[in-house]
PDB file of N, CA and C in Angstrom:
ATOM      1  N   MET A   1       9.185 -29.380   2.491  1.00  0.00           N
ATOM      2  CA  MET A   1       9.558 -28.471   1.990  1.00  0.00           C
ATOM      3  C   MET A   1       8.003 -27.821   2.211  1.00  0.00           C
ATOM      4  N   SER A   2       7.748 -26.610   2.494  1.00  0.00           N
ATOM      5  CA  SER A   2       6.495 -25.659   2.339  1.00  0.00           C
ATOM      6  C   SER A   2       5.743 -25.156   1.679  1.00  0.00           C
ATOM      7  N   CYS A   3       4.384 -25.226   1.604  1.00  0.00           N
ATOM      8  CA  CYS A   3       3.915 -24.838   0.208  1.00  0.00           C
ATOM      9  C   CYS A   3       3.288 -23.229   0.672  1.00  0.00           C
ATOM     10  N   ASP A   4       2.778 -22.033   0.155  1.00  0.00           N
ATOM     11  CA  ASP A   4       2.815 -21.225   0.581  1.00  0.00           C
ATOM     12  C   ASP A   4       1.099 -20.829   0.012  1.00  0.00           C
ATOM     13  N   GLY A   5       1.089 -21.291  -1.060  1.00  0.00           N
ATOM     14  CA  GLY A   5      -0.502 -21.135  -2.136  1.00  0.00           C
ATOM     15  C   GLY A   5      -0.367 -20.372  -3.456  1.00  0.00           C
ATOM     16  N   GLN A   6       1.035 -19.437  -3.578  1.00  0.00           N
ATOM     17  CA  GLN A   6       1.535 -18.486  -4.457  1.00  0.00           C
ATOM     18  C   GLN A   6       1.768 -18.713  -6.012  1.00  0.00           C
ATOM     19  N   CYS A   7       1.860 -20.241  -6.250  1.00  0.00           N
ATOM     20  CA  CYS A   7       2.387 -20.941  -7.361  1.00  0.00           C
ATOM     21  C   CYS A   7       1.069 -21.601  -8.049  1.00  0.00           C
ATOM     22  N   ARG A   8       0.711 -21.164  -9.127  1.00  0.00           N
ATOM     23  CA  ARG A   8      -0.291 -21.682 -10.311  1.00  0.00           C
ATOM     24  C   ARG A   8      -0.389 -22.966 -10.487  1.00  0.00           C
ATOM     25  N   ALA A   9       0.575 -23.340 -10.714  1.00  0.00           N
ATOM     26  CA  ALA A   9       0.996 -25.662 -11.125  1.00  0.00           C
ATOM     27  C   ALA A   9       0.781 -26.070  -9.512  1.00  0.00           C
ATOM     28  N   CYS A  10       0.842 -25.641  -8.281  1.00  0.00           N
ATOM     29  CA  CYS A  10       1.567 -26.240  -7.184  1.00  0.00           C
ATOM     30  C   CYS A  10       0.961 -27.764  -7.028  1.00  0.00           C
ATOM     31  N   PRO A  11       2.281 -28.805  -7.049  1.00  0.00           N
ATOM     32  CA  PRO A  11       2.138 -29.965  -6.925  1.00  0.00           C
ATOM     33  C   PRO A  11       1.413 -30.006  -5.690  1.00  0.00           C
ATOM     34  N   TYR A  12       1.282 -29.947  -5.163  1.00  0.00           N
ATOM     35  CA  TYR A  12       0.576 -30.419  -3.345  1.00  0.00           C
ATOM     36  C   TYR A  12      -0.927 -30.545  -3.522  1.00  0.00           C
ATOM     37  N   ASP A  13      -1.315 -31.625  -3.736  1.00  0.00           N
ATOM     38  CA  ASP A  13      -3.125 -31.790  -3.328  1.00  0.00           C
ATOM     39  C   ASP A  13      -3.327 -30.850  -2.257  1.00  0.00           C
ATOM     40  N   PHE A  14      -3.006 -30.634  -1.437  1.00  0.00           N
ATOM     41  CA  PHE A  14      -3.524 -29.876  -0.418  1.00  0.00           C
ATOM     42  C   PHE A  14      -3.785 -28.627  -0.125  1.00  0.00           C
ATOM     43  N   CYS A  15      -2.655 -28.215  -1.384  1.00  0.00           N
ATOM     44  CA  CYS A  15      -2.451 -26.835  -1.523  1.00  0.00           C
ATOM     45  C   CYS A  15      -3.797 -26.185  -2.169  1.00  0.00           C
ATOM     46  N   VAL A  16      -4.401 -24.846  -1.867  1.00  0.00           N
ATOM     47  CA  VAL A  16      -5.238 -23.941  -2.567  1.00  0.00           C
ATOM     48  C   VAL A  16      -4.786 -22.805  -2.705  1.00  0.00           C
ATOM     49  N   PRO A  17      -4.173 -22.598  -4.286  1.00  0.00           N
ATOM     50  CA  PRO A  17      -3.491 -20.889  -4.831  1.00  0.00           C
ATOM     51  C   PRO A  17      -4.374 -19.969  -4.224  1.00  0.00           C
ATOM     52  N   ALA A  18      -3.415 -19.382  -3.849  1.00  0.00           N
ATOM     53  CA  ALA A  18      -4.260 -17.342  -3.286  1.00  0.00           C
ATOM     54  C   ALA A  18      -5.045 -17.055  -4.635  1.00  0.00           C
ATOM     55  N   PRO A  19      -5.748 -16.960  -4.513  1.00  0.00           N
ATOM     56  CA  PRO A  19      -6.316 -16.008  -5.510  1.00  0.00           C
ATOM     57  C   PRO A  19      -5.522 -14.391  -5.743  1.00  0.00           C
ATOM     58  N   PRO A  20      -5.866 -14.397  -7.459  1.00  0.00           N
ATOM     59  CA  PRO A  20      -4.804 -12.884  -7.840  1.00  0.00           C
ATOM     60  C   PRO A  20      -5.170 -11.684  -6.778  1.00  0.00           C
ATOM     61  N   THR A  21      -4.411 -11.158  -6.475  1.00  0.00           N
ATOM     62  CA  THR A  21      -4.694  -9.914  -6.368  1.00  0.00           C
ATOM     63  C   THR A  21      -5.100  -8.965  -6.755  1.00  0.00           C
ATOM     64  N   ALA A  22      -6.621  -8.414  -6.714  1.00  0.00           N
ATOM     65  CA  ALA A  22      -6.952  -6.809  -7.549  1.00  0.00           C
ATOM     66  C   ALA A  22      -6.248  -5.610  -7.453  1.00  0.00           C
ATOM     67  N   LYS A  23      -6.160  -5.157  -8.566  1.00  0.00           N
ATOM     68  CA  LYS A  23      -6.008  -3.919  -8.869  1.00  0.00           C
ATOM     69  C   LYS A  23      -6.504  -2.682  -8.473  1.00  0.00           C
ATOM     70  N   PRO A  24      -6.185  -1.404  -7.502  1.00  0.00           N
ATOM     71  CA  PRO A  24      -6.645  -0.939  -6.729  1.00  0.00           C
ATOM     72  C   PRO A  24      -7.724   0.115  -7.888  1.00  0.00           C
ATOM     73  N   SER A  25      -8.305   0.648  -7.778  1.00  0.00           N
ATOM     74  CA  SER A  25      -9.098   1.488  -8.122  1.00  0.00           C
ATOM     75  C   SER A  25      -8.337   2.950  -8.524  1.00  0.00           C
ATOM     76  N   LYS A  26      -8.414   3.937  -9.292  1.00  0.00           N
ATOM     77  CA  LYS A  26      -7.943   4.909  -9.404  1.00  0.00           C
ATOM     78  C   LYS A  26      -8.052   5.686  -8.226  1.00  0.00           C
ATOM     79  N   ALA A  27      -9.405   5.845  -7.691  1.00  0.00           N
ATOM     80  CA  ALA A  27      -9.681   6.808  -6.691  1.00  0.00           C
ATOM     81  C   ALA A  27      -8.911   6.232  -5.260  1.00  0.00           C
ATOM     82  N   ALA A  28      -9.060   4.786  -5.016  1.00  0.00           N
ATOM     83  CA  ALA A  28      -8.268   4.590  -4.095  1.00  0.00           C
ATOM     84  C   ALA A  28      -6.496   4.439  -4.292  1.00  0.00           C
ATOM     85  N   GLU A  29      -6.242   4.972  -5.279  1.00  0.00           N
ATOM     86  CA  GLU A  29      -4.784   5.151  -5.805  1.00  0.00           C
ATOM     87  C   GLU A  29      -4.556   6.493  -5.664  1.00  0.00           C
ATOM     88  N   ARG A  30      -5.188   7.573  -5.742  1.00  0.00           N
ATOM     89  CA  ARG A  30      -5.198   9.076  -5.473  1.00  0.00           C
ATOM     90  C   ARG A  30      -5.301   8.990  -3.756  1.00  0.00           C
ATOM     91  N   GLN A  31      -6.366   8.370  -2.895  1.00  0.00           N
ATOM     92  CA  GLN A  31      -6.592   8.202  -1.566  1.00  0.00           C
ATOM     93  C   GLN A  31      -5.577   8.137  -1.252  1.00  0.00           C
ATOM     94  N   ASN A  32      -4.793   6.498  -1.219  1.00  0.00           N
ATOM     95  CA  ASN A  32      -3.316   6.276  -1.059  1.00  0.00           C
ATOM     96  C   ASN A  32      -2.022   7.322  -1.210  1.00  0.00           C
ATOM     97  N   TRP A  33      -1.798   7.771  -2.514  1.00  0.00           N
ATOM     98  CA  TRP A  33      -1.188   8.779  -3.018  1.00  0.00           C
ATOM     99  C   TRP A  33      -1.557  10.409  -1.254  1.00  0.00           C
ATOM    100  N   ARG A  34      -1.985  10.916  -1.515  1.00  0.00           N
ATOM    101  CA  ARG A  34      -3.035  11.749  -1.031  1.00  0.00           C
ATOM    102  C   ARG A  34      -2.613  11.422   0.579  1.00  0.00           C
ATOM    103  N   GLN A  35      -2.974  10.267   0.844  1.00  0.00           N
ATOM    104  CA  GLN A  35      -2.644  10.194   2.687  1.00  0.00           C
ATOM    105  C   GLN A  35      -0.805  10.244   3.022  1.00  0.00           C
ATOM    106  N   ASP A  36      -0.196   9.396   1.686  1.00  0.00           N
ATOM    107  CA  ASP A  36       1.618   9.361   1.647  1.00  0.00           C
ATOM    108  C   ASP A  36       1.633  11.018   1.903  1.00  0.00           C
ATOM    109  N   ALA A  37       1.699  11.905   0.910  1.00  0.00           N
ATOM    110  CA  ALA A  37       1.613  13.287   0.313  1.00  0.00           C
ATOM    111  C   ALA A  37       1.640  13.798   2.082  1.00  0.00           C
ATOM    112  N   LEU A  38       0.428  13.418   3.046  1.00  0.00           N
ATOM    113  CA  LEU A  38       0.077  14.382   3.859  1.00  0.00           C
ATOM    114  C   LEU A  38       1.054  13.656   5.275  1.00  0.00           C
ATOM    115  N   PHE A  39       1.257  11.925   5.060  1.00  0.00           N
ATOM    116  CA  PHE A  39       2.772  11.761   6.156  1.00  0.00           C
ATOM    117  C   PHE A  39       3.473  12.575   5.957  1.00  0.00           C
ATOM    118  N   GLU A  40       3.914  12.252   4.644  1.00  0.00           N
ATOM    119  CA  GLU A  40       5.467  12.973   3.788  1.00  0.00           C
ATOM    120  C   GLU A  40       5.751  14.523   4.826  1.00  0.00           C
ATOM    121  N   LEU A  41       4.703  15.255   4.463  1.00  0.00           N
ATOM    122  CA  LEU A  41       4.096  16.836   4.732  1.00  0.00           C
ATOM    123  C   LEU A  41       4.434  16.990   6.481  1.00  0.00           C
ATOM    124  N   GLU A  42       3.812  16.217   6.845  1.00  0.00           N
ATOM    125  CA  GLU A  42       4.391  16.044   8.373  1.00  0.00           C
ATOM    126  C   GLU A  42       5.463  15.794   9.198  1.00  0.00           C
ATOM    127  N   ASP A  43       6.519  14.571   7.983  1.00  0.00           N
ATOM    128  CA  ASP A  43       7.793  14.825   8.528  1.00  0.00           C
ATOM    129  C   ASP A  43       8.209  15.525   8.388  1.00  0.00           C
ATOM    130  N   LEU A  44       7.998  16.628   7.013  1.00  0.00           N
ATOM    131  CA  LEU A  44       8.580  17.891   6.585  1.00  0.00           C
ATOM    132  C   LEU A  44       8.385  18.745   7.540  1.00  0.00           C
ATOM    133  N   GLY A  45       7.536  19.288   8.227  1.00  0.00           N
ATOM    134  CA  GLY A  45       6.845  19.883   9.294  1.00  0.00           C
ATOM    135  C   GLY A  45       7.981  19.773   9.953  1.00  0.00           C
ATOM    136  N   ASP A  46       7.830  18.600  10.397  1.00  0.00           N
ATOM    137  CA  ASP A  46       8.713  18.626  11.893  1.00  0.00           C
ATOM    138  C   ASP A  46      10.058  18.882  11.647  1.00  0.00           C
ATOM    139  N   LEU A  47      10.749  18.452  10.472  1.00  0.00           N
ATOM    140  CA  LEU A  47      12.001  18.708  10.623  1.00  0.00           C
ATOM    141  C   LEU A  47      12.346  20.447  10.361  1.00  0.00           C
ATOM    142  N   TYR A  48      11.675  20.739   9.641  1.00  0.00           N
ATOM    143  CA  TYR A  48      12.059  22.404   8.945  1.00  0.00           C
ATOM    144  C   TYR A  48      10.951  22.820  10.267  1.00  0.00           C
ATOM    145  N   GLY A  49      10.547  22.698  10.990  1.00  0.00           N
ATOM    146  CA  GLY A  49       9.659  23.863  12.521  1.00  0.00           C
ATOM    147  C   GLY A  49       8.429  24.495  11.321  1.00  0.00           C
ATOM    148  N   ILE A  50       7.459  23.629  10.644  1.00  0.00           N
ATOM    149  CA  ILE A  50       6.693  24.398   9.745  1.00  0.00           C
ATOM    150  C   ILE A  50       4.980  24.105  10.026  1.00  0.00           C
ATOM    151  N   ASP A  51       4.275  24.715  10.418  1.00  0.00           N
ATOM    152  CA  ASP A  51       2.601  24.312  11.170  1.00  0.00           C
ATOM    153  C   ASP A  51       2.398  23.807   9.793  1.00  0.00           C
ATOM    154  N   THR A  52       1.716  22.293   9.818  1.00  0.00           N
ATOM    155  CA  THR A  52       0.838  21.683   8.554  1.00  0.00           C
ATOM    156  C   THR A  52      -0.179  22.147   8.747  1.00  0.00           C
ATOM    157  N   SER A  53      -0.460  22.733   9.288  1.00  0.00           N
ATOM    158  CA  SER A  53      -2.035  22.963   9.470  1.00  0.00           C
ATOM    159  C   SER A  53      -2.005  24.074   8.747  1.00  0.00           C
ATOM    160  N   GLN A  54      -1.518  25.154   8.303  1.00  0.00           N
ATOM    161  CA  GLN A  54      -1.246  26.353   7.533  1.00  0.00           C
ATOM    162  C   GLN A  54      -0.602  25.712   5.836  1.00  0.00           C
ATOM    163  N   VAL A  55      -0.613  24.966   5.883  1.00  0.00           N
ATOM    164  CA  VAL A  55       0.197  24.416   4.469  1.00  0.00           C
ATOM    165  C   VAL A  55      -1.326  23.797   3.559  1.00  0.00           C
ATOM    166  N   ARG A  56      -1.507  24.099   2.459  1.00  0.00           N
ATOM    167  CA  ARG A  56      -2.210  23.499   2.118  1.00  0.00           C
ATOM    168  C   ARG A  56      -1.984  22.366   0.793  1.00  0.00           C
ATOM    169  N   LEU A  57      -2.501  21.396   0.908  1.00  0.00           N
ATOM    170  CA  LEU A  57      -2.455  20.181  -0.196  1.00  0.00           C
ATOM    171  C   LEU A  57      -3.024  20.079  -0.726  1.00  0.00           C
TER     172      LEU A  57
END
């Protein structure tokens, strides 16, 4: 059995549990949302033949 270090009460002495992941800030969430929206817009533009440089997000 192998250990991935994700359990908090790991029974193995050699294992170092992974630190908890930090929640992204509101600004980072907005930036990620905007980038995802731009990718979707490009995909939709390709699909429907719309020039994405003329569309404002």
